[in-house]
Protein backbone atom coordinates (compact mmCIF):
# COMPACT_ATOMS: atom_id res chain seq x y z
CA UNK A 1 -14.80 27.03 47.16
CA UNK A 2 -15.70 28.69 50.36
CA UNK A 3 -19.31 29.70 51.84
CA UNK A 4 -18.49 33.26 51.25
CA UNK A 5 -17.73 33.12 47.70
CA UNK A 6 -20.52 30.42 47.05
CA UNK A 7 -23.96 29.77 47.83
CA UNK A 8 -25.49 26.12 47.30
CA UNK A 9 -28.32 26.47 44.45
CA UNK A 10 -30.99 23.71 43.28
CA UNK A 11 -31.69 23.61 39.92
CA UNK A 12 -35.41 23.76 39.52
CA UNK A 13 -35.40 21.69 36.07
CA UNK A 14 -36.98 18.35 35.41
CA UNK A 15 -33.83 16.79 36.46
CA UNK A 16 -32.27 18.50 39.41
CA UNK A 17 -28.77 19.28 39.69
CA UNK A 18 -26.26 20.64 42.44
CA UNK A 19 -25.24 24.26 41.20
CA UNK A 20 -23.04 26.81 42.67
CA UNK A 21 -22.45 29.95 41.59
CA UNK A 22 -18.93 31.54 41.79
CA UNK A 23 -17.08 34.85 42.44
CA UNK A 24 -18.16 35.76 38.91
CA UNK A 25 -21.77 34.81 39.23
CA UNK A 26 -21.21 31.78 36.57
CA UNK A 27 -23.33 28.89 37.24
CA UNK A 28 -21.42 25.27 37.69
CA UNK A 29 -22.81 22.22 38.22
CA UNK A 30 -21.08 19.48 40.29
CA UNK A 31 -21.49 17.10 36.76
CA UNK A 32 -19.30 19.55 35.02
CA UNK A 33 -16.50 19.71 37.63
CA UNK A 34 -16.57 15.99 37.63
CA UNK A 35 -16.77 15.96 33.66
CA UNK A 36 -13.50 17.77 33.31
CA UNK A 37 -10.65 15.06 33.45
CA UNK A 38 -7.04 14.88 32.54
CA UNK A 39 -6.89 15.85 28.88
CA UNK A 40 -4.17 13.47 28.69
CA UNK A 41 -6.22 10.53 29.87
CA UNK A 42 -9.14 11.97 27.72
CA UNK A 43 -7.37 11.98 24.47
CA UNK A 44 -4.79 9.65 23.75
CA UNK A 45 -1.39 10.43 21.67
CA UNK A 46 -2.47 11.73 18.42
CA UNK A 47 0.67 10.76 16.64
CA UNK A 48 0.01 6.98 17.20
CA UNK A 49 -3.48 7.43 15.74
CA UNK A 50 -1.88 9.37 13.06
CA UNK A 51 0.79 6.63 12.16
CA UNK A 52 -1.88 3.55 12.33
CA UNK A 53 -3.89 5.68 9.71
CA UNK A 54 -1.29 6.71 7.24
CA UNK A 55 0.01 3.09 7.17
CA UNK A 56 -3.63 1.59 6.93
CA UNK A 57 -3.99 3.83 3.95
CA UNK A 58 -0.96 3.13 2.22
CA UNK A 59 -2.65 0.89 -0.08
CA UNK A 60 -5.31 3.51 -1.49
CA UNK A 61 -2.22 5.41 -3.19
CA UNK A 62 -2.04 2.12 -5.07
CA UNK A 63 -5.76 2.94 -6.17
CA UNK A 64 -4.57 6.06 -7.21
CA UNK A 65 -2.25 4.39 -9.10
CA UNK A 66 -4.73 2.66 -10.95
CA UNK A 67 -7.22 5.54 -11.61
CA UNK A 68 -4.50 7.38 -13.13
CA UNK A 69 -2.69 4.76 -15.19
CA UNK A 70 -5.16 4.45 -18.14
CA UNK A 71 -4.97 8.04 -18.81
CA UNK A 72 -1.43 7.86 -19.56
CA UNK A 73 -1.36 4.55 -20.99
CA UNK A 74 -3.97 4.95 -23.33
CA UNK A 75 -2.12 7.45 -25.47
CA UNK A 76 0.75 5.71 -25.56
CA UNK A 77 -1.16 2.64 -26.62
CA UNK A 78 -2.91 4.22 -29.48
CA UNK A 79 0.13 6.07 -30.65
CA UNK A 80 1.71 4.65 -34.09
CA UNK A 81 4.60 3.67 -32.73
CA UNK A 82 3.08 1.25 -29.83
CA UNK A 83 4.64 -1.54 -28.95
CA UNK A 84 0.74 -3.41 -28.56
CA UNK A 85 -1.25 -1.19 -30.47
CA UNK A 86 -5.17 -0.83 -29.38
CA UNK A 87 -8.12 0.47 -30.89
CA UNK A 88 -10.88 2.78 -29.11
CA UNK A 89 -13.07 -0.52 -28.06
CA UNK A 90 -9.55 -1.91 -26.61
CA UNK A 91 -8.94 1.36 -25.17
CA UNK A 92 -12.39 1.54 -23.22
CA UNK A 93 -11.30 -1.91 -21.82
CA UNK A 94 -7.91 -1.11 -20.70
CA UNK A 95 -9.56 1.92 -18.74
CA UNK A 96 -12.50 0.19 -17.52
CA UNK A 97 -11.49 -3.50 -16.87
CA UNK A 98 -9.79 -2.24 -13.48
CA UNK A 99 -13.51 -1.44 -12.30
CA UNK A 100 -14.71 -5.19 -13.10
CA UNK A 101 -12.41 -6.58 -10.59
CA UNK A 102 -12.74 -3.79 -7.58
CA UNK A 103 -16.48 -5.14 -6.80
CA UNK A 104 -15.39 -8.59 -6.60
CA UNK A 105 -12.62 -7.37 -4.14
CA UNK A 106 -15.40 -5.44 -2.14
CA UNK A 107 -17.25 -8.08 -1.38
CA UNK A 108 -14.54 -10.57 -0.26
CA UNK A 109 -12.63 -7.64 1.63
CA UNK A 110 -16.17 -7.29 3.95
CA UNK A 111 -16.06 -11.47 4.45
CA UNK A 112 -12.38 -11.05 5.41
CA UNK A 113 -12.73 -8.22 7.43
CA UNK A 114 -15.77 -9.47 9.83
CA UNK A 115 -14.30 -12.96 9.93
CA UNK A 116 -10.31 -12.70 10.22
CA UNK A 117 -9.86 -9.20 11.21
CA UNK A 118 -9.14 -5.48 9.95
CA UNK A 119 -5.43 -5.83 9.96
CA UNK A 120 -5.40 -9.43 7.80
CA UNK A 121 -8.01 -7.95 5.62
CA UNK A 122 -5.31 -4.90 4.64
CA UNK A 123 -2.70 -7.25 4.43
CA UNK A 124 -4.17 -9.79 2.00
CA UNK A 125 -5.39 -7.09 -0.14
CA UNK A 126 -1.75 -6.31 -1.17
CA UNK A 127 -1.06 -9.60 -3.03
CA UNK A 128 -3.20 -9.38 -5.87
CA UNK A 129 -2.03 -5.87 -6.59
CA UNK A 130 1.72 -6.81 -6.71
CA UNK A 131 1.17 -9.74 -9.23
CA UNK A 132 -1.52 -7.61 -11.18
CA UNK A 133 1.26 -4.70 -12.01
CA UNK A 134 3.82 -7.23 -12.37
CA UNK A 135 2.02 -9.05 -15.11
CA UNK A 136 1.45 -5.24 -16.76
CA UNK A 137 4.92 -4.68 -16.91
CA UNK A 138 5.70 -7.97 -18.31
CA UNK A 139 2.90 -7.73 -20.75
CA UNK A 140 3.85 -8.60 -24.42
CA UNK A 141 -0.14 -8.70 -25.71
CA UNK A 142 -3.12 -6.75 -24.68
CA UNK A 143 -4.82 -9.74 -22.69
CA UNK A 144 -2.19 -9.66 -20.07
CA UNK A 145 -2.75 -5.88 -19.72
CA UNK A 146 -6.53 -6.61 -19.26
CA UNK A 147 -5.47 -9.54 -16.70
CA UNK A 148 -3.46 -7.39 -14.84
CA UNK A 149 -5.72 -4.41 -14.77
CA UNK A 150 -8.63 -7.06 -13.28
CA UNK A 151 -5.93 -8.25 -10.92
CA UNK A 152 -5.05 -4.84 -9.65
CA UNK A 153 -8.87 -3.24 -9.68
CA UNK A 154 -9.24 -6.56 -7.35
CA UNK A 155 -6.77 -5.25 -5.09
CA UNK A 156 -7.77 -1.80 -5.52
CA UNK A 157 -11.63 -3.14 -3.89
CA UNK A 158 -10.20 -4.81 -1.21
CA UNK A 159 -8.36 -2.14 0.46
CA UNK A 160 -11.24 0.43 0.21
CA UNK A 161 -13.69 -0.85 3.11
CA UNK A 162 -10.78 -2.09 5.49
CA UNK A 163 -8.67 1.07 5.29
CA UNK A 164 -11.68 3.08 6.26
CA UNK A 165 -12.99 1.03 8.94
CA UNK A 166 -9.78 0.32 10.29
CA UNK A 167 -8.99 3.96 10.35
CA UNK A 168 -12.58 5.14 11.98
CA UNK A 169 -11.87 2.47 14.64
CA UNK A 170 -8.46 3.02 15.76
CA UNK A 171 -8.96 6.95 15.94
CA UNK A 172 -10.84 9.17 18.54
CA UNK A 173 -13.80 11.50 17.13
CA UNK A 174 -11.58 14.54 16.90
CA UNK A 175 -9.28 12.93 14.86
CA UNK A 176 -11.46 10.57 12.80
CA UNK A 177 -12.82 12.67 9.93
CA UNK A 178 -9.71 14.20 9.25
CA UNK A 179 -7.71 11.10 9.11
CA UNK A 180 -10.55 9.00 7.42
CA UNK A 181 -9.92 11.31 4.51
CA UNK A 182 -6.34 9.93 4.05
CA UNK A 183 -7.52 7.40 1.93
CA UNK A 184 -9.11 10.01 -0.77
CA UNK A 185 -5.47 11.95 -0.17
CA UNK A 186 -3.99 8.54 -0.86
CA UNK A 187 -5.83 8.20 -4.14
CA UNK A 188 -5.12 11.76 -5.20
CA UNK A 189 -1.74 11.31 -4.62
CA UNK A 190 -1.62 8.30 -6.62
CA UNK A 191 -3.18 10.19 -9.60
CA UNK A 192 -0.74 12.84 -9.30
CA UNK A 193 2.08 10.34 -9.47
CA UNK A 194 1.05 8.66 -12.84
CA UNK A 195 0.23 11.52 -14.41
CA UNK A 196 3.82 12.98 -13.65
CA UNK A 197 5.38 9.68 -14.26
CA UNK A 198 3.36 8.72 -17.41
CA UNK A 199 4.65 11.94 -19.14
CA UNK A 200 8.25 11.26 -19.18
CA UNK A 201 8.29 7.26 -18.68
CA UNK A 202 6.86 4.40 -20.90
CA UNK A 203 4.06 2.35 -19.27
CA UNK A 204 6.08 -0.87 -18.77
CA UNK A 205 8.65 1.33 -16.37
CA UNK A 206 5.37 2.91 -14.78
CA UNK A 207 3.64 -0.66 -14.22
CA UNK A 208 7.25 -1.69 -12.77
CA UNK A 209 7.67 1.29 -10.57
CA UNK A 210 4.02 0.67 -9.19
CA UNK A 211 4.77 -2.16 -7.70
CA UNK A 212 6.64 -0.64 -4.84
CA UNK A 213 3.49 0.80 -3.12
CA UNK A 214 1.63 -2.09 -2.61
CA UNK A 215 4.83 -3.83 -1.30
CA UNK A 216 5.33 -0.83 1.36
CA UNK A 217 1.92 -1.40 2.86
CA UNK A 218 2.10 -5.29 2.98
CA UNK A 219 5.34 -4.89 5.24
CA UNK A 220 4.31 -2.09 7.34
CA UNK A 221 0.53 -3.39 8.16
CA UNK A 222 2.54 -6.16 9.72
CA UNK A 223 3.81 -4.10 12.22
CA UNK A 224 0.36 -2.52 13.40
CA UNK A 225 -2.06 -3.59 16.00
CA UNK A 226 -5.57 -4.96 15.15
CA UNK A 227 -8.38 -2.42 15.70
CA UNK A 228 -9.52 -2.24 19.78
CA UNK A 229 -13.32 -2.35 18.31
CA UNK A 230 -12.79 -5.76 16.55
CA UNK A 231 -11.16 -7.38 19.60
CA UNK A 232 -14.00 -6.46 21.88
CA UNK A 233 -16.32 -7.63 19.04
CA UNK A 234 -14.80 -10.78 19.38
CA UNK A 235 -14.58 -11.15 23.01
CA UNK A 236 -10.57 -10.32 23.36
CA UNK A 237 -11.16 -7.33 25.75
CA UNK A 238 -7.42 -7.95 27.07
CA UNK A 239 -5.66 -7.80 23.36
CA UNK A 240 -8.26 -4.69 23.11
CA UNK A 241 -6.20 -3.31 26.21
CA UNK A 242 -2.73 -3.83 24.43
CA UNK A 243 -3.68 -2.28 21.03
CA UNK A 244 -5.33 0.67 22.73
CA UNK A 245 -2.38 1.08 24.67
CA UNK A 246 -0.24 1.15 21.41
CA UNK A 247 -2.61 3.65 19.83
CA UNK A 248 -3.42 6.07 22.55
CA UNK A 249 -0.32 5.95 24.82
CA UNK A 250 0.34 5.11 28.29
CA UNK A 251 -1.18 8.02 30.22
CA UNK A 252 -4.52 7.18 28.46
CA UNK A 253 -7.65 5.78 30.32
CA UNK A 254 -7.84 2.56 28.60
CA UNK A 255 -9.97 0.47 30.78
CA UNK A 256 -12.64 3.16 30.29
CA UNK A 257 -12.53 2.60 26.71
CA UNK A 258 -12.55 -1.13 26.74
CA UNK A 259 -15.70 -0.61 28.97
CA UNK A 260 -17.31 1.65 26.88
CA UNK A 261 -16.91 -0.48 23.60
CA UNK A 262 -17.87 -3.81 25.84
CA UNK A 263 -20.88 -2.04 27.06
CA UNK A 264 -22.20 -1.27 23.27
CA UNK A 265 -21.27 -4.41 21.82
CA UNK A 266 -23.48 -6.00 24.63
CA UNK A 267 -26.74 -3.43 24.12
CA UNK A 268 -26.12 -4.45 20.01
CA UNK A 269 -25.31 -7.76 20.71
CA UNK A 270 -22.30 -7.42 18.97
CA UNK A 271 -19.79 -9.72 21.46
CA UNK A 272 -22.57 -12.36 22.02
CA UNK A 273 -20.94 -14.79 19.84
CA UNK A 274 -17.57 -14.85 17.67
CA UNK A 275 -19.24 -15.36 14.62
CA UNK A 276 -22.47 -14.79 13.60
CA UNK A 277 -24.54 -17.41 12.00
CA UNK A 278 -26.62 -16.76 8.74
CA UNK A 279 -29.99 -16.23 10.11
CA UNK A 280 -28.41 -13.28 12.17
CA UNK A 281 -26.25 -12.39 9.62
CA UNK A 282 -29.18 -11.53 7.34
CA UNK A 283 -31.45 -9.78 10.12
CA UNK A 284 -28.78 -7.37 11.28
CA UNK A 285 -28.24 -6.56 7.37
CA UNK A 286 -32.05 -5.71 7.21
CA UNK A 287 -32.30 -4.16 9.91
CA UNK A 288 -33.15 0.12 9.68
CA UNK A 289 -29.55 0.59 11.35
CA UNK A 290 -27.63 -1.08 8.44
CA UNK A 291 -30.61 -0.46 5.37
CA UNK A 292 -30.94 3.16 5.80
CA UNK A 293 -27.36 4.18 5.57
CA UNK A 294 -26.40 1.63 2.93
CA UNK A 295 -29.47 3.16 0.96
CA UNK A 296 -27.92 6.90 1.62
CA UNK A 297 -24.44 6.05 0.51
CA UNK A 298 -25.61 3.63 -2.91
CA UNK A 299 -27.23 6.82 -4.01
CA UNK A 300 -24.65 9.24 -2.88
CA UNK A 301 -21.95 6.95 -5.05
CA UNK A 302 -24.62 6.72 -7.74
CA UNK A 303 -24.74 10.51 -7.90
CA UNK A 304 -21.03 11.47 -7.40
CA UNK A 305 -19.70 9.14 -9.95
CA UNK A 306 -22.19 10.12 -12.87
CA UNK A 307 -20.73 13.86 -11.67
CA UNK A 308 -17.90 12.80 -14.21
CA UNK A 309 -15.08 12.45 -11.66
CA UNK A 310 -13.96 9.37 -13.09
CA UNK A 311 -14.53 10.32 -16.71
CA UNK A 312 -11.95 13.45 -16.28
CA UNK A 313 -9.63 10.93 -14.20
CA UNK A 314 -9.86 8.24 -16.70
CA UNK A 315 -9.82 10.21 -19.93
CA UNK A 316 -7.86 13.26 -18.77
CA UNK A 317 -5.24 13.58 -21.58
CA UNK A 318 -7.52 12.89 -23.86
CA UNK A 319 -10.34 15.41 -23.07
CA UNK A 320 -7.61 18.14 -22.81
CA UNK A 321 -6.72 17.45 -26.55
CA UNK A 322 -10.14 17.38 -27.58
CA UNK A 323 -11.13 20.91 -25.54
CA UNK A 324 -9.59 22.88 -28.24
CA UNK A 325 -7.05 24.38 -25.69
CA UNK A 326 -3.57 25.44 -27.09
CA UNK A 327 -2.10 24.16 -23.68
CA UNK A 328 -0.01 21.31 -23.65
CA UNK A 329 -2.47 18.16 -22.74
CA UNK A 330 0.46 16.46 -20.60
CA UNK A 331 1.25 19.49 -18.55
CA UNK A 332 -2.53 20.06 -18.12
CA UNK A 333 -2.95 16.66 -16.68
CA UNK A 334 -0.01 17.15 -14.36
CA UNK A 335 -1.59 20.04 -13.28
CA UNK A 336 -5.04 18.85 -12.81
CA UNK A 337 -3.01 16.08 -10.58
CA UNK A 338 -1.36 18.64 -8.37
CA UNK A 339 -4.96 20.79 -7.88
CA UNK A 340 -6.74 17.62 -6.81
CA UNK A 341 -3.88 16.35 -4.34
CA UNK A 342 -4.08 20.08 -2.66
CA UNK A 343 -7.62 20.01 -2.57
CA UNK A 344 -8.11 16.67 -1.37
CA UNK A 345 -5.72 17.86 1.62
CA UNK A 346 -7.70 21.15 2.07
CA UNK A 347 -11.20 18.96 2.11
CA UNK A 348 -9.79 16.85 4.56
CA UNK A 349 -9.36 19.81 7.07
CA UNK A 350 -12.53 21.23 6.21
CA UNK A 351 -14.09 17.98 6.82
CA UNK A 352 -13.21 18.49 10.46
CA UNK A 353 -13.96 22.29 10.64
CA UNK A 354 -17.10 22.52 8.50
CA UNK A 355 -18.77 19.02 9.14
CA UNK A 356 -20.18 16.58 5.94
CA UNK A 357 -23.06 18.46 4.74
CA UNK A 358 -21.72 21.42 3.51
CA UNK A 359 -18.96 19.95 1.67
CA UNK A 360 -20.95 17.65 -0.21
CA UNK A 361 -23.02 20.76 -0.70
CA UNK A 362 -19.81 22.71 -2.68
CA UNK A 363 -18.95 19.59 -4.50
CA UNK A 364 -22.89 19.17 -6.11
CA UNK A 365 -22.98 22.92 -7.12
CA UNK A 366 -20.02 23.07 -8.22
CA UNK A 367 -19.71 19.80 -10.23
CA UNK A 368 -23.02 21.19 -11.86
CA UNK A 369 -22.33 24.14 -13.03
CA UNK A 370 -18.71 23.30 -14.73
CA UNK A 371 -20.02 20.23 -16.27
CA UNK A 372 -22.72 21.98 -17.93
CA UNK A 373 -20.62 25.04 -18.25
CA UNK A 374 -17.73 22.85 -20.36
CA UNK A 375 -20.74 21.03 -22.26
CA UNK A 376 -21.92 24.60 -23.54
CA UNK A 377 -18.68 25.36 -24.80
CA UNK A 378 -17.69 22.01 -26.35
CA UNK A 379 -21.43 22.69 -28.41
CA UNK A 380 -19.73 25.91 -29.46
CA UNK A 381 -16.67 24.46 -30.46
CA UNK A 382 -18.45 21.91 -32.37
CA UNK A 383 -20.32 24.57 -34.42
CA UNK A 384 -17.26 26.12 -34.82
CA UNK A 385 -15.48 22.91 -36.35
CA UNK A 386 -18.39 21.87 -38.67
CA UNK A 387 -18.80 25.88 -40.03
CA UNK A 388 -17.42 26.12 -43.67
CA UNK A 389 -14.85 27.01 -43.14
CA UNK A 390 -13.99 26.07 -40.08
CA UNK A 391 -13.82 29.15 -37.19
CA UNK A 392 -10.79 29.78 -35.03
CA UNK A 393 -12.08 28.39 -31.33
CA UNK A 394 -12.01 31.57 -28.86
CA UNK A 395 -11.55 31.56 -25.07
CA UNK A 396 -9.88 28.64 -24.87
CA UNK A 397 -9.01 28.70 -21.60
CA UNK A 398 -12.64 28.22 -20.63
CA UNK A 399 -12.81 24.69 -20.61
CA UNK A 400 -9.52 24.13 -19.05
CA UNK A 401 -10.90 26.60 -16.30
CA UNK A 402 -14.16 24.54 -16.24
CA UNK A 403 -12.39 21.17 -15.62
CA UNK A 404 -9.86 23.03 -12.90
CA UNK A 405 -12.74 23.99 -11.03
CA UNK A 406 -14.94 21.15 -11.59
CA UNK A 407 -11.86 19.05 -9.70
CA UNK A 408 -11.43 21.20 -6.97
CA UNK A 409 -14.97 21.70 -6.09
CA UNK A 410 -15.55 17.94 -7.02
CA UNK A 411 -12.42 16.82 -4.35
CA UNK A 412 -13.22 19.07 -1.24
CA UNK A 413 -16.58 16.74 -0.77
CA UNK A 414 -17.55 13.95 -3.40
CA UNK A 415 -14.14 12.51 -3.02
CA UNK A 416 -14.01 12.59 0.50
CA UNK A 417 -17.37 12.44 2.50
CA UNK A 418 -19.03 9.18 1.32
CA UNK A 419 -15.32 7.14 1.92
CA UNK A 420 -15.22 8.46 5.25
CA UNK A 421 -18.83 7.76 5.90
CA UNK A 422 -18.45 4.26 5.15
CA UNK A 423 -16.31 3.81 8.30
CA UNK A 424 -19.00 5.94 10.41
CA UNK A 425 -22.45 4.89 9.66
CA UNK A 426 -22.55 1.31 9.92
CA UNK A 427 -23.12 -1.12 12.78
CA UNK A 428 -20.41 -2.52 14.56
CA UNK A 429 -21.47 -6.24 13.80
CA UNK A 430 -21.53 -6.03 9.95
CA UNK A 431 -19.56 -3.13 9.47
CA UNK A 432 -17.00 -4.94 7.27
CA UNK A 433 -19.48 -7.02 5.33
CA UNK A 434 -21.64 -3.92 4.24
CA UNK A 435 -18.67 -1.52 4.26
CA UNK A 436 -17.77 -4.16 1.17
CA UNK A 437 -21.09 -4.13 -0.19
CA UNK A 438 -21.19 -0.06 -0.29
CA UNK A 439 -17.64 -0.42 -1.89
CA UNK A 440 -18.66 -3.13 -4.49
CA UNK A 441 -21.73 -0.54 -5.46
CA UNK A 442 -19.18 2.43 -5.46
CA UNK A 443 -17.06 0.70 -7.91
CA UNK A 444 -19.81 -1.15 -10.07
CA UNK A 445 -20.91 2.92 -10.81
CA UNK A 446 -16.82 3.64 -11.60
CA UNK A 447 -17.08 0.69 -14.27
CA UNK A 448 -20.53 1.81 -15.51
CA UNK A 449 -19.33 5.56 -16.00
CA UNK A 450 -16.02 5.02 -17.55
CA UNK A 451 -16.71 2.43 -19.96
CA UNK A 452 -20.17 4.25 -21.00
CA UNK A 453 -18.31 7.52 -21.50
CA UNK A 454 -17.48 6.50 -25.60
CA UNK A 455 -20.95 5.42 -25.99
CA UNK A 456 -22.24 8.35 -24.57
CA UNK A 457 -20.02 10.74 -26.67
CA UNK A 458 -21.39 8.84 -29.93
CA UNK A 459 -24.97 9.05 -28.48
CA UNK A 460 -25.29 12.46 -27.28
CA UNK A 461 -21.82 13.89 -28.77
CA UNK A 462 -19.34 14.88 -26.04
CA UNK A 463 -21.03 18.17 -25.08
CA UNK A 464 -24.16 16.30 -24.20
CA UNK A 465 -22.28 14.00 -22.45
CA UNK A 466 -21.14 16.61 -19.78
CA UNK A 467 -24.16 18.57 -19.69
CA UNK A 468 -25.91 14.99 -18.59
CA UNK A 469 -23.38 14.92 -15.91
CA UNK A 470 -23.96 18.46 -14.70
CA UNK A 471 -27.69 17.33 -14.43
CA UNK A 472 -26.68 14.24 -12.06
CA UNK A 473 -24.96 16.75 -9.94
CA UNK A 474 -27.64 18.73 -9.39
CA UNK A 475 -30.02 16.31 -8.67
CA UNK A 476 -27.86 14.73 -6.26
CA UNK A 477 -27.43 17.90 -4.05
CA UNK A 478 -31.44 18.34 -3.78
CA UNK A 479 -31.06 14.22 -2.50
CA UNK A 480 -28.11 15.37 -0.16
CA UNK A 481 -29.96 18.43 1.26
CA UNK A 482 -32.90 16.16 2.10
CA UNK A 483 -31.24 12.76 3.50
CA UNK A 484 -27.75 13.20 4.28
CA UNK A 485 -27.14 13.26 8.00
CA UNK A 486 -24.19 15.50 9.58
CA UNK A 487 -22.00 12.92 11.40
CA UNK A 488 -19.30 15.78 12.42
CA UNK A 489 -17.70 15.11 15.88
CA UNK A 490 -20.03 12.00 16.65
CA UNK A 491 -19.00 8.81 18.27
CA UNK A 492 -19.34 5.66 16.24
CA UNK A 493 -22.12 4.51 19.02
CA UNK A 494 -24.02 7.83 18.65
CA UNK A 495 -24.46 7.28 15.10
CA UNK A 496 -25.45 3.55 15.41
CA UNK A 497 -28.23 4.68 17.79
CA UNK A 498 -29.47 7.56 15.72
CA UNK A 499 -30.07 4.90 12.71
CA UNK A 500 -31.35 2.31 14.97
CA UNK A 501 -34.08 4.87 16.09
CA UNK A 502 -32.49 5.00 19.93
CA UNK A 503 -32.06 8.25 19.35
CA UNK A 504 -34.30 10.87 17.42
CA UNK A 505 -31.47 13.17 15.99
CA UNK A 506 -27.97 13.80 15.51
CA UNK A 507 -28.05 17.17 16.50
CA UNK A 508 -26.79 18.72 19.43
CA UNK A 509 -29.22 19.68 22.09
CA UNK A 510 -29.57 23.06 23.15
CA UNK A 511 -27.91 24.20 26.31
CA UNK A 512 -31.42 25.00 28.01
CA UNK A 513 -32.96 21.89 27.17
CA UNK A 514 -29.82 19.07 27.63
CA UNK A 515 -31.17 18.48 30.77
CA UNK A 516 -34.92 18.18 29.96
CA UNK A 517 -34.08 15.82 27.16
CA UNK A 518 -31.61 13.57 29.50
CA UNK A 519 -34.43 13.01 31.80
CA UNK A 520 -36.86 12.39 29.46
CA UNK A 521 -34.58 9.67 27.82
CA UNK A 522 -33.90 7.93 31.07
CA UNK A 523 -37.56 7.86 31.77
CA UNK A 524 -38.45 6.52 28.57
CA UNK A 525 -35.82 3.93 28.96
CA UNK A 526 -38.35 2.73 32.10
CA UNK A 527 -35.82 3.80 34.73
CA UNK A 528 -37.51 5.69 38.09
CA UNK A 529 -36.44 9.46 38.52
CA UNK A 530 -34.18 10.21 41.50
CA UNK A 531 -33.33 13.59 42.88
CA UNK A 532 -29.58 12.31 43.17
CA UNK A 533 -27.66 9.75 42.25
CA UNK A 534 -25.93 7.37 44.98
CA UNK A 535 -22.71 8.89 44.18
CA UNK A 536 -23.62 12.33 44.37
CA UNK A 537 -26.24 11.92 47.37
CA UNK A 538 -24.76 14.74 49.45
CA UNK A 539 -25.48 18.56 49.00
CA UNK A 540 -22.48 20.61 48.91
CA UNK A 541 -21.34 22.31 52.19
């Protein structure tokens, strides 16, 4: 830049900045020039973060195996030639018992995460899962199946929060949303595997094959680093640097990120002690930065579970059989698993582009209309069945279409967004503990919905049950519109500042008002205004 092609200007806004006009008349601030670092130093190696996130989320495939298991095993157990015959009540326990062990695992995982680390929590979670699948594979009575389901559910509960927190802490903001959605992709993949294998194999063989996933997750997680956030919070900056070197690469500015983590930990008192006292923990839990997101996510999980998604997942074969469709029920179930997996991947991509709120609205509205549509069709089908003589059902494609559209719309939002937000919304010093509480609530709702489905079908009939689920989705959409924040592209520190009240909004400031807002925030923090910072105390030549 020479004197011929530039002119020094001083911006007359509240916070003065040195500016220059280039050849095309565009204004460029000194801060802008200095804020354009080498991209390699700004963004670490993406592949390293992808690998770490993938390994951390291997255990979530097992959660999908658990979810999909009951859909294929219950028809086999109810068959006349079953080795272990079960009635309707026992079938509902086979389906729902995994969700009883899950909340206990969720609570324990939070304690293990915050006191022993995210990595050790992910390793420990595989042990009860491996034991549970072995017990089911060797079962000679329904009691052993119950015990195995509780243990696998316990392991499933332990893996939920650590996988998402680990992923959110080892990835950078531009990758975090997409990679946090790997957990939901893993669940959908697990469901598809069970639906597909269950159509051709016995449930005992299926249980034996399911052991492979937790064993692989256990071994690979031993090779992964601990998260830098956790290491900094435990006053281990050198280990945090080594962790970042493995996660970001040698060209990345590691010292800068460690300094940012240390600064934020000091600001939030997250690194003052290696372990919080009981009083400090309670104070952190009842702080608005924790209570607000916990309330939002608890209601989110309640609304999304009562949309009926896990009723469809756990009872898929039975629902297709009773819908009146002429298609093969096992083929429908496998296709349903394929659709769920495809749209989980689509949702993960859209999450990075569209954000959390739009995808949530798509799910709420889509689930509402499809469940009400399915309920209305089943109402007419019941009238046709009770007619004298019975009337042949028409448009048998309609209930199948409702179920597939329901899974499509539910998957892109409900099955991804709240799980991603577990790793985003909570303050650092109790992120593991509250993440465990949240997944505990989520799986408690799973148990309630799955266990009460047979009861509701007797009380409200099948059509009334699905209409009720649709109404929950509509009510939930209103809540999400009013209360759900948009966290796309925000750092974990920015999100915590928002819920703590240190910032008023997560929305990006308008370009014309950015400098003014920065100046107002600067003055609000008690600092004295100055024209130029010490490092920039000279005008451009």
